[in-house]
Amino acid sequence: MDVEILQFPETRVAVLTHLGPPEREHETVQRMIAWKLAQGLTDPLRHRSYGLHYGDPKHTAADMHRVDFCLSIEGDVAPNPYGIVAGVIPSLRCARARDIGSRADNRAAAFLVREWLPRSGEAWSGEPLIFHYVNVGPKLRDADAITDVYLPLR
């Protein structure tokens, strides 16, 4: 798997936190999608989809599993019934690897943390992994999903 070290740019985002079982993430994502559609933020080049993953769901208690689902924005986030708030993904030096296939089993994240990091001479900063969901949508087949995974480094 190819790994590139780069600077992730500071990114203003709308954020919806999922805290709970991974099997229920879909419900949280549906709320984010409803808000995105209500705001007319449908251009995937201007409004990129991200997930900030705070742990490995296979090794985290279900009630402690956290993902911040984010959408890059240019404006403000007004008070809303969806629970969406404004946030910022800071500029971070990261290692990036690309996963193609089902988002339920992200091989790039596992590769970066378990294989690449121990032999790289680099150190994880402790910030959550950033998943950039490059392509999204209701017609996307699992096999065609593209996710760039960013591992924040010190």
N, C-alpha and C. Protein backbone atom coordinates (compact mmCIF):
# COMPACT_ATOMS: atom_id res chain seq x y z
N MET A 1 0.86 -1.18 0.00
CA MET A 1 0.00 0.00 0.00
C MET A 1 0.90 1.23 0.00
N ASP A 2 0.59 2.20 -0.85
CA ASP A 2 1.37 3.42 -0.94
C ASP A 2 1.00 4.37 0.21
N VAL A 3 2.04 4.98 0.81
CA VAL A 3 1.86 5.94 1.89
C VAL A 3 2.59 7.22 1.51
N GLU A 4 1.91 8.34 1.68
CA GLU A 4 2.49 9.65 1.40
C GLU A 4 2.40 10.49 2.67
N ILE A 5 3.47 11.23 2.99
CA ILE A 5 3.43 12.16 4.11
C ILE A 5 3.14 13.54 3.56
N LEU A 6 2.15 14.20 4.14
CA LEU A 6 1.74 15.51 3.65
C LEU A 6 1.13 16.33 4.77
N GLN A 7 0.83 17.58 4.47
CA GLN A 7 0.20 18.48 5.43
C GLN A 7 -1.29 18.53 5.13
N PHE A 8 -2.11 18.03 6.06
CA PHE A 8 -3.56 18.13 5.91
C PHE A 8 -3.92 19.59 6.18
N PRO A 9 -4.68 20.23 5.30
CA PRO A 9 -4.98 21.66 5.51
C PRO A 9 -6.05 21.89 6.57
N GLU A 10 -5.94 23.01 7.28
CA GLU A 10 -7.01 23.39 8.21
C GLU A 10 -8.32 23.45 7.43
N THR A 11 -9.35 22.82 7.98
CA THR A 11 -10.61 22.68 7.26
C THR A 11 -11.78 23.01 8.18
N ARG A 12 -12.56 24.01 7.81
CA ARG A 12 -13.80 24.32 8.56
C ARG A 12 -14.83 23.26 8.22
N VAL A 13 -15.50 22.75 9.25
CA VAL A 13 -16.45 21.67 9.04
C VAL A 13 -17.72 21.85 9.88
N ALA A 14 -18.77 21.23 9.40
CA ALA A 14 -19.98 21.00 10.18
C ALA A 14 -19.78 19.61 10.78
N VAL A 15 -20.12 19.45 12.07
CA VAL A 15 -19.80 18.22 12.79
C VAL A 15 -21.04 17.63 13.45
N LEU A 16 -21.16 16.32 13.35
CA LEU A 16 -22.17 15.57 14.08
C LEU A 16 -21.47 14.37 14.72
N THR A 17 -21.47 14.32 16.04
CA THR A 17 -20.76 13.27 16.77
C THR A 17 -21.63 12.03 16.93
N HIS A 18 -21.04 10.89 16.60
CA HIS A 18 -21.66 9.59 16.88
C HIS A 18 -20.94 9.00 18.08
N LEU A 19 -21.67 8.68 19.12
CA LEU A 19 -21.11 8.01 20.29
C LEU A 19 -22.00 6.82 20.60
N GLY A 20 -21.46 5.63 20.39
CA GLY A 20 -22.25 4.43 20.61
C GLY A 20 -21.84 3.34 19.66
N PRO A 21 -22.63 2.29 19.58
CA PRO A 21 -22.27 1.12 18.78
C PRO A 21 -22.02 1.47 17.31
N PRO A 22 -20.98 0.87 16.72
CA PRO A 22 -20.70 1.10 15.30
C PRO A 22 -21.89 0.76 14.40
N GLU A 23 -22.68 -0.22 14.81
CA GLU A 23 -23.83 -0.64 13.99
C GLU A 23 -24.86 0.47 13.85
N ARG A 24 -24.78 1.50 14.70
CA ARG A 24 -25.76 2.58 14.66
C ARG A 24 -25.22 3.84 13.97
N GLU A 25 -24.00 3.76 13.44
CA GLU A 25 -23.42 4.92 12.75
C GLU A 25 -24.31 5.38 11.60
N HIS A 26 -24.94 4.43 10.92
CA HIS A 26 -25.77 4.77 9.77
C HIS A 26 -26.86 5.78 10.14
N GLU A 27 -27.43 5.65 11.34
CA GLU A 27 -28.45 6.59 11.79
C GLU A 27 -27.89 8.00 11.91
N THR A 28 -26.68 8.10 12.45
CA THR A 28 -26.03 9.41 12.59
C THR A 28 -25.72 10.00 11.22
N VAL A 29 -25.21 9.16 10.34
CA VAL A 29 -24.89 9.62 8.98
C VAL A 29 -26.15 10.11 8.28
N GLN A 30 -27.27 9.44 8.48
CA GLN A 30 -28.52 9.87 7.85
C GLN A 30 -28.95 11.26 8.33
N ARG A 31 -28.71 11.57 9.60
CA ARG A 31 -29.01 12.93 10.11
C ARG A 31 -28.10 13.95 9.44
N MET A 32 -26.81 13.61 9.29
CA MET A 32 -25.88 14.53 8.62
C MET A 32 -26.31 14.75 7.17
N ILE A 33 -26.71 13.69 6.50
CA ILE A 33 -27.15 13.81 5.10
C ILE A 33 -28.40 14.68 5.00
N ALA A 34 -29.34 14.48 5.91
CA ALA A 34 -30.58 15.29 5.90
C ALA A 34 -30.24 16.77 6.05
N TRP A 35 -29.32 17.09 6.98
CA TRP A 35 -28.91 18.48 7.17
C TRP A 35 -28.22 19.02 5.91
N LYS A 36 -27.31 18.22 5.37
CA LYS A 36 -26.57 18.62 4.16
C LYS A 36 -27.53 18.94 3.01
N LEU A 37 -28.52 18.09 2.81
CA LEU A 37 -29.49 18.32 1.73
C LEU A 37 -30.35 19.55 2.01
N ALA A 38 -30.75 19.72 3.27
CA ALA A 38 -31.56 20.89 3.64
C ALA A 38 -30.80 22.19 3.41
N GLN A 39 -29.48 22.15 3.55
CA GLN A 39 -28.64 23.33 3.35
C GLN A 39 -28.21 23.51 1.90
N GLY A 40 -28.47 22.52 1.05
CA GLY A 40 -28.07 22.58 -0.36
C GLY A 40 -26.57 22.41 -0.56
N LEU A 41 -25.92 21.68 0.34
CA LEU A 41 -24.46 21.50 0.28
C LEU A 41 -24.12 20.18 -0.41
N THR A 42 -24.47 20.08 -1.68
CA THR A 42 -24.38 18.81 -2.39
C THR A 42 -23.19 18.68 -3.33
N ASP A 43 -22.43 19.74 -3.53
CA ASP A 43 -21.26 19.66 -4.41
C ASP A 43 -20.13 18.96 -3.67
N PRO A 44 -19.77 17.71 -4.06
CA PRO A 44 -18.77 16.94 -3.31
C PRO A 44 -17.35 17.51 -3.41
N LEU A 45 -17.10 18.38 -4.35
CA LEU A 45 -15.77 19.00 -4.44
C LEU A 45 -15.63 20.17 -3.47
N ARG A 46 -16.72 20.88 -3.24
CA ARG A 46 -16.71 22.00 -2.29
C ARG A 46 -17.02 21.55 -0.87
N HIS A 47 -17.81 20.51 -0.73
CA HIS A 47 -18.28 20.05 0.58
C HIS A 47 -17.90 18.59 0.75
N ARG A 48 -16.67 18.38 1.21
CA ARG A 48 -16.11 17.04 1.34
C ARG A 48 -16.58 16.37 2.64
N SER A 49 -16.75 15.06 2.57
CA SER A 49 -17.22 14.28 3.72
C SER A 49 -16.05 13.64 4.44
N TYR A 50 -16.04 13.79 5.77
CA TYR A 50 -14.96 13.25 6.61
C TYR A 50 -15.54 12.51 7.81
N GLY A 51 -14.72 11.64 8.36
CA GLY A 51 -15.00 11.02 9.64
C GLY A 51 -13.74 11.10 10.49
N LEU A 52 -13.87 11.61 11.70
CA LEU A 52 -12.74 11.63 12.64
C LEU A 52 -12.95 10.44 13.56
N HIS A 53 -12.08 9.45 13.43
CA HIS A 53 -12.23 8.17 14.14
C HIS A 53 -11.31 8.16 15.36
N TYR A 54 -11.92 8.07 16.53
CA TYR A 54 -11.18 8.18 17.80
C TYR A 54 -10.69 6.84 18.33
N GLY A 55 -11.01 5.75 17.69
CA GLY A 55 -10.55 4.44 18.15
C GLY A 55 -10.94 3.37 17.16
N ASP A 56 -10.44 2.19 17.39
CA ASP A 56 -10.74 1.04 16.55
C ASP A 56 -12.00 0.39 17.11
N PRO A 57 -13.09 0.33 16.32
CA PRO A 57 -14.33 -0.23 16.85
C PRO A 57 -14.19 -1.68 17.29
N LYS A 58 -13.18 -2.38 16.79
CA LYS A 58 -12.96 -3.78 17.19
C LYS A 58 -12.33 -3.87 18.57
N HIS A 59 -11.77 -2.77 19.06
CA HIS A 59 -11.08 -2.78 20.34
C HIS A 59 -11.58 -1.69 21.29
N THR A 60 -12.76 -1.16 21.03
CA THR A 60 -13.36 -0.12 21.87
C THR A 60 -14.73 -0.59 22.32
N ALA A 61 -15.05 -0.37 23.59
CA ALA A 61 -16.39 -0.72 24.08
C ALA A 61 -17.43 0.02 23.25
N ALA A 62 -18.52 -0.65 22.92
CA ALA A 62 -19.53 -0.08 22.03
C ALA A 62 -20.04 1.27 22.50
N ASP A 63 -20.21 1.45 23.81
CA ASP A 63 -20.73 2.72 24.31
C ASP A 63 -19.68 3.83 24.29
N MET A 64 -18.42 3.48 24.05
CA MET A 64 -17.34 4.47 23.99
C MET A 64 -16.86 4.73 22.56
N HIS A 65 -17.44 4.03 21.59
CA HIS A 65 -17.06 4.20 20.18
C HIS A 65 -17.50 5.58 19.71
N ARG A 66 -16.53 6.37 19.19
CA ARG A 66 -16.83 7.74 18.76
C ARG A 66 -16.30 8.01 17.36
N VAL A 67 -17.14 8.61 16.56
CA VAL A 67 -16.76 9.13 15.25
C VAL A 67 -17.44 10.48 15.10
N ASP A 68 -16.67 11.50 14.73
CA ASP A 68 -17.24 12.80 14.39
C ASP A 68 -17.41 12.83 12.87
N PHE A 69 -18.65 12.81 12.41
CA PHE A 69 -18.91 12.90 10.98
C PHE A 69 -18.92 14.38 10.61
N CYS A 70 -18.19 14.72 9.56
CA CYS A 70 -17.97 16.12 9.20
C CYS A 70 -18.23 16.37 7.73
N LEU A 71 -18.59 17.60 7.43
CA LEU A 71 -18.74 18.06 6.06
C LEU A 71 -18.02 19.40 5.97
N SER A 72 -17.10 19.53 5.01
CA SER A 72 -16.39 20.80 4.89
C SER A 72 -17.38 21.88 4.44
N ILE A 73 -17.23 23.06 5.05
CA ILE A 73 -18.16 24.16 4.80
C ILE A 73 -17.38 25.45 4.59
N GLU A 74 -18.07 26.43 4.04
CA GLU A 74 -17.47 27.75 3.86
C GLU A 74 -18.11 28.77 4.80
N GLY A 75 -19.36 28.57 5.16
CA GLY A 75 -20.09 29.52 5.99
C GLY A 75 -20.22 29.06 7.42
N ASP A 76 -21.20 29.62 8.09
CA ASP A 76 -21.46 29.28 9.48
C ASP A 76 -22.47 28.14 9.56
N VAL A 77 -22.59 27.57 10.75
CA VAL A 77 -23.61 26.56 11.03
C VAL A 77 -24.62 27.18 11.97
N ALA A 78 -25.81 27.39 11.46
CA ALA A 78 -26.87 27.98 12.29
C ALA A 78 -27.43 26.91 13.23
N PRO A 79 -28.00 27.36 14.35
CA PRO A 79 -28.67 26.38 15.22
C PRO A 79 -29.66 25.56 14.40
N ASN A 80 -29.72 24.26 14.70
CA ASN A 80 -30.54 23.37 13.88
C ASN A 80 -31.02 22.18 14.70
N PRO A 81 -32.10 21.54 14.27
CA PRO A 81 -32.64 20.39 15.02
C PRO A 81 -31.86 19.09 14.81
N TYR A 82 -30.84 19.10 13.95
CA TYR A 82 -30.09 17.88 13.65
C TYR A 82 -28.94 17.62 14.62
N GLY A 83 -28.56 18.64 15.40
CA GLY A 83 -27.43 18.50 16.31
C GLY A 83 -26.09 18.79 15.66
N ILE A 84 -26.10 19.41 14.50
CA ILE A 84 -24.89 19.76 13.77
C ILE A 84 -24.30 21.03 14.38
N VAL A 85 -22.98 21.03 14.59
CA VAL A 85 -22.29 22.21 15.13
C VAL A 85 -21.08 22.52 14.25
N ALA A 86 -20.53 23.71 14.39
CA ALA A 86 -19.35 24.11 13.64
C ALA A 86 -18.10 23.57 14.33
N GLY A 87 -17.09 23.28 13.53
CA GLY A 87 -15.81 22.82 14.05
C GLY A 87 -14.70 23.07 13.06
N VAL A 88 -13.51 22.67 13.43
CA VAL A 88 -12.33 22.82 12.57
C VAL A 88 -11.47 21.58 12.69
N ILE A 89 -11.08 21.03 11.56
CA ILE A 89 -10.03 20.02 11.56
C ILE A 89 -8.74 20.82 11.40
N PRO A 90 -7.82 20.74 12.37
CA PRO A 90 -6.63 21.57 12.29
C PRO A 90 -5.67 21.10 11.20
N SER A 91 -4.77 21.98 10.82
CA SER A 91 -3.70 21.60 9.90
C SER A 91 -2.79 20.62 10.63
N LEU A 92 -2.57 19.47 10.03
CA LEU A 92 -1.79 18.41 10.66
C LEU A 92 -0.85 17.75 9.66
N ARG A 93 0.34 17.43 10.10
CA ARG A 93 1.25 16.60 9.30
C ARG A 93 0.76 15.18 9.41
N CYS A 94 0.51 14.53 8.26
CA CYS A 94 -0.12 13.21 8.26
C CYS A 94 0.53 12.25 7.27
N ALA A 95 0.36 10.97 7.55
CA ALA A 95 0.62 9.92 6.57
C ALA A 95 -0.73 9.58 5.97
N ARG A 96 -0.76 9.44 4.63
CA ARG A 96 -2.03 9.16 3.95
C ARG A 96 -1.91 7.87 3.14
N ALA A 97 -2.95 7.05 3.26
CA ALA A 97 -3.06 5.84 2.44
C ALA A 97 -4.50 5.76 1.94
N ARG A 98 -4.68 5.14 0.80
CA ARG A 98 -6.02 5.05 0.18
C ARG A 98 -6.56 3.64 0.30
N ASP A 99 -7.84 3.55 0.67
CA ASP A 99 -8.56 2.28 0.71
C ASP A 99 -9.63 2.31 -0.37
N ILE A 100 -9.75 1.22 -1.10
CA ILE A 100 -10.82 1.07 -2.08
C ILE A 100 -11.60 -0.18 -1.70
N GLY A 101 -12.88 0.00 -1.48
CA GLY A 101 -13.73 -1.12 -1.08
C GLY A 101 -14.61 -0.74 0.09
N SER A 102 -15.25 -1.72 0.66
CA SER A 102 -16.23 -1.49 1.72
C SER A 102 -15.66 -0.67 2.87
N ARG A 103 -16.42 0.30 3.30
CA ARG A 103 -15.98 1.14 4.43
C ARG A 103 -16.14 0.40 5.76
N ALA A 104 -16.78 -0.74 5.74
CA ALA A 104 -16.94 -1.53 6.96
C ALA A 104 -15.64 -2.22 7.36
N ASP A 105 -14.71 -2.32 6.44
CA ASP A 105 -13.43 -2.99 6.73
C ASP A 105 -12.31 -2.18 6.07
N ASN A 106 -11.92 -1.07 6.70
CA ASN A 106 -10.94 -0.18 6.10
C ASN A 106 -9.53 -0.72 6.29
N ARG A 107 -8.97 -1.22 5.22
CA ARG A 107 -7.63 -1.82 5.25
C ARG A 107 -6.53 -0.76 5.37
N ALA A 108 -6.76 0.43 4.86
CA ALA A 108 -5.73 1.48 4.92
C ALA A 108 -5.48 1.90 6.36
N ALA A 109 -6.53 2.06 7.15
CA ALA A 109 -6.36 2.45 8.55
C ALA A 109 -5.56 1.40 9.30
N ALA A 110 -5.94 0.15 9.15
CA ALA A 110 -5.22 -0.94 9.83
C ALA A 110 -3.77 -0.98 9.37
N PHE A 111 -3.53 -0.83 8.07
CA PHE A 111 -2.17 -0.86 7.55
C PHE A 111 -1.33 0.27 8.13
N LEU A 112 -1.86 1.49 8.13
CA LEU A 112 -1.10 2.63 8.64
C LEU A 112 -0.71 2.44 10.10
N VAL A 113 -1.65 2.01 10.92
CA VAL A 113 -1.41 1.91 12.36
C VAL A 113 -0.58 0.68 12.73
N ARG A 114 -0.91 -0.47 12.14
CA ARG A 114 -0.28 -1.73 12.57
C ARG A 114 1.00 -2.08 11.83
N GLU A 115 1.10 -1.67 10.56
CA GLU A 115 2.26 -2.08 9.77
C GLU A 115 3.20 -0.91 9.45
N TRP A 116 2.66 0.15 8.87
CA TRP A 116 3.51 1.25 8.42
C TRP A 116 4.13 2.01 9.59
N LEU A 117 3.33 2.40 10.58
CA LEU A 117 3.80 3.24 11.67
C LEU A 117 4.96 2.61 12.45
N PRO A 118 4.89 1.35 12.87
CA PRO A 118 5.99 0.78 13.66
C PRO A 118 7.34 0.76 12.93
N ARG A 119 7.31 0.68 11.62
CA ARG A 119 8.59 0.61 10.89
C ARG A 119 8.96 1.92 10.19
N SER A 120 8.17 2.98 10.41
CA SER A 120 8.37 4.24 9.68
C SER A 120 9.36 5.19 10.35
N GLY A 121 9.55 5.03 11.66
CA GLY A 121 10.35 6.01 12.40
C GLY A 121 9.53 7.23 12.79
N GLU A 122 8.25 7.22 12.46
CA GLU A 122 7.34 8.32 12.80
C GLU A 122 6.58 7.97 14.08
N ALA A 123 5.89 8.96 14.65
CA ALA A 123 5.08 8.75 15.85
C ALA A 123 3.71 9.36 15.62
N TRP A 124 2.69 8.67 16.08
CA TRP A 124 1.31 9.14 16.00
C TRP A 124 1.15 10.29 16.98
N SER A 125 0.49 11.35 16.56
CA SER A 125 0.30 12.53 17.41
C SER A 125 -0.74 12.31 18.49
N GLY A 126 -1.59 11.31 18.33
CA GLY A 126 -2.69 11.09 19.26
C GLY A 126 -4.01 11.67 18.77
N GLU A 127 -3.96 12.49 17.73
CA GLU A 127 -5.18 13.02 17.12
C GLU A 127 -5.92 11.87 16.44
N PRO A 128 -7.25 11.99 16.28
CA PRO A 128 -7.99 10.90 15.63
C PRO A 128 -7.60 10.74 14.16
N LEU A 129 -7.74 9.52 13.67
CA LEU A 129 -7.57 9.28 12.24
C LEU A 129 -8.62 10.08 11.49
N ILE A 130 -8.23 10.63 10.35
CA ILE A 130 -9.16 11.37 9.50
C ILE A 130 -9.46 10.49 8.28
N PHE A 131 -10.72 10.16 8.12
CA PHE A 131 -11.15 9.43 6.92
C PHE A 131 -11.80 10.45 6.00
N HIS A 132 -11.29 10.57 4.78
CA HIS A 132 -11.93 11.41 3.76
C HIS A 132 -12.69 10.45 2.86
N TYR A 133 -14.01 10.53 2.91
CA TYR A 133 -14.86 9.69 2.09
C TYR A 133 -14.93 10.36 0.71
N VAL A 134 -14.02 9.94 -0.17
CA VAL A 134 -13.81 10.61 -1.45
C VAL A 134 -15.06 10.58 -2.31
N ASN A 135 -15.74 9.45 -2.34
CA ASN A 135 -16.98 9.36 -3.11
C ASN A 135 -18.09 8.87 -2.18
N VAL A 136 -19.23 9.49 -2.29
CA VAL A 136 -20.38 9.17 -1.44
C VAL A 136 -21.64 9.19 -2.28
N GLY A 137 -22.70 8.63 -1.75
CA GLY A 137 -23.98 8.71 -2.43
C GLY A 137 -24.74 7.41 -2.36
N PRO A 138 -26.05 7.51 -2.56
CA PRO A 138 -26.91 6.33 -2.42
C PRO A 138 -26.67 5.25 -3.47
N LYS A 139 -26.09 5.62 -4.60
CA LYS A 139 -25.87 4.63 -5.66
C LYS A 139 -24.47 4.03 -5.63
N LEU A 140 -23.65 4.44 -4.66
CA LEU A 140 -22.27 3.95 -4.56
C LEU A 140 -22.26 2.50 -4.10
N ARG A 141 -21.62 1.64 -4.88
CA ARG A 141 -21.45 0.24 -4.49
C ARG A 141 -20.29 0.15 -3.50
N ASP A 142 -20.40 -0.75 -2.51
CA ASP A 142 -19.33 -0.93 -1.52
C ASP A 142 -17.98 -1.13 -2.19
N ALA A 143 -17.94 -1.93 -3.22
CA ALA A 143 -16.68 -2.25 -3.89
C ALA A 143 -16.02 -1.02 -4.52
N ASP A 144 -16.80 0.03 -4.79
CA ASP A 144 -16.28 1.23 -5.45
C ASP A 144 -15.97 2.37 -4.49
N ALA A 145 -16.20 2.17 -3.19
CA ALA A 145 -15.97 3.24 -2.21
C ALA A 145 -14.48 3.55 -2.12
N ILE A 146 -14.15 4.83 -2.14
CA ILE A 146 -12.76 5.30 -2.01
C ILE A 146 -12.67 6.12 -0.73
N THR A 147 -11.73 5.74 0.13
CA THR A 147 -11.51 6.45 1.39
C THR A 147 -10.03 6.72 1.56
N ASP A 148 -9.67 8.00 1.67
CA ASP A 148 -8.29 8.36 2.00
C ASP A 148 -8.20 8.46 3.51
N VAL A 149 -7.24 7.75 4.11
CA VAL A 149 -7.07 7.74 5.55
C VAL A 149 -5.82 8.53 5.90
N TYR A 150 -5.96 9.49 6.81
CA TYR A 150 -4.86 10.34 7.25
C TYR A 150 -4.53 9.99 8.71
N LEU A 151 -3.29 9.61 8.95
CA LEU A 151 -2.80 9.32 10.30
C LEU A 151 -1.98 10.52 10.76
N PRO A 152 -2.49 11.30 11.71
CA PRO A 152 -1.75 12.49 12.18
C PRO A 152 -0.43 12.09 12.88
N LEU A 153 0.63 12.77 12.48
CA LEU A 153 1.98 12.49 13.01
C LEU A 153 2.48 13.63 13.86
N ARG A 154 3.44 13.33 14.73
CA ARG A 154 4.09 14.38 15.52
C ARG A 154 5.07 15.13 14.66
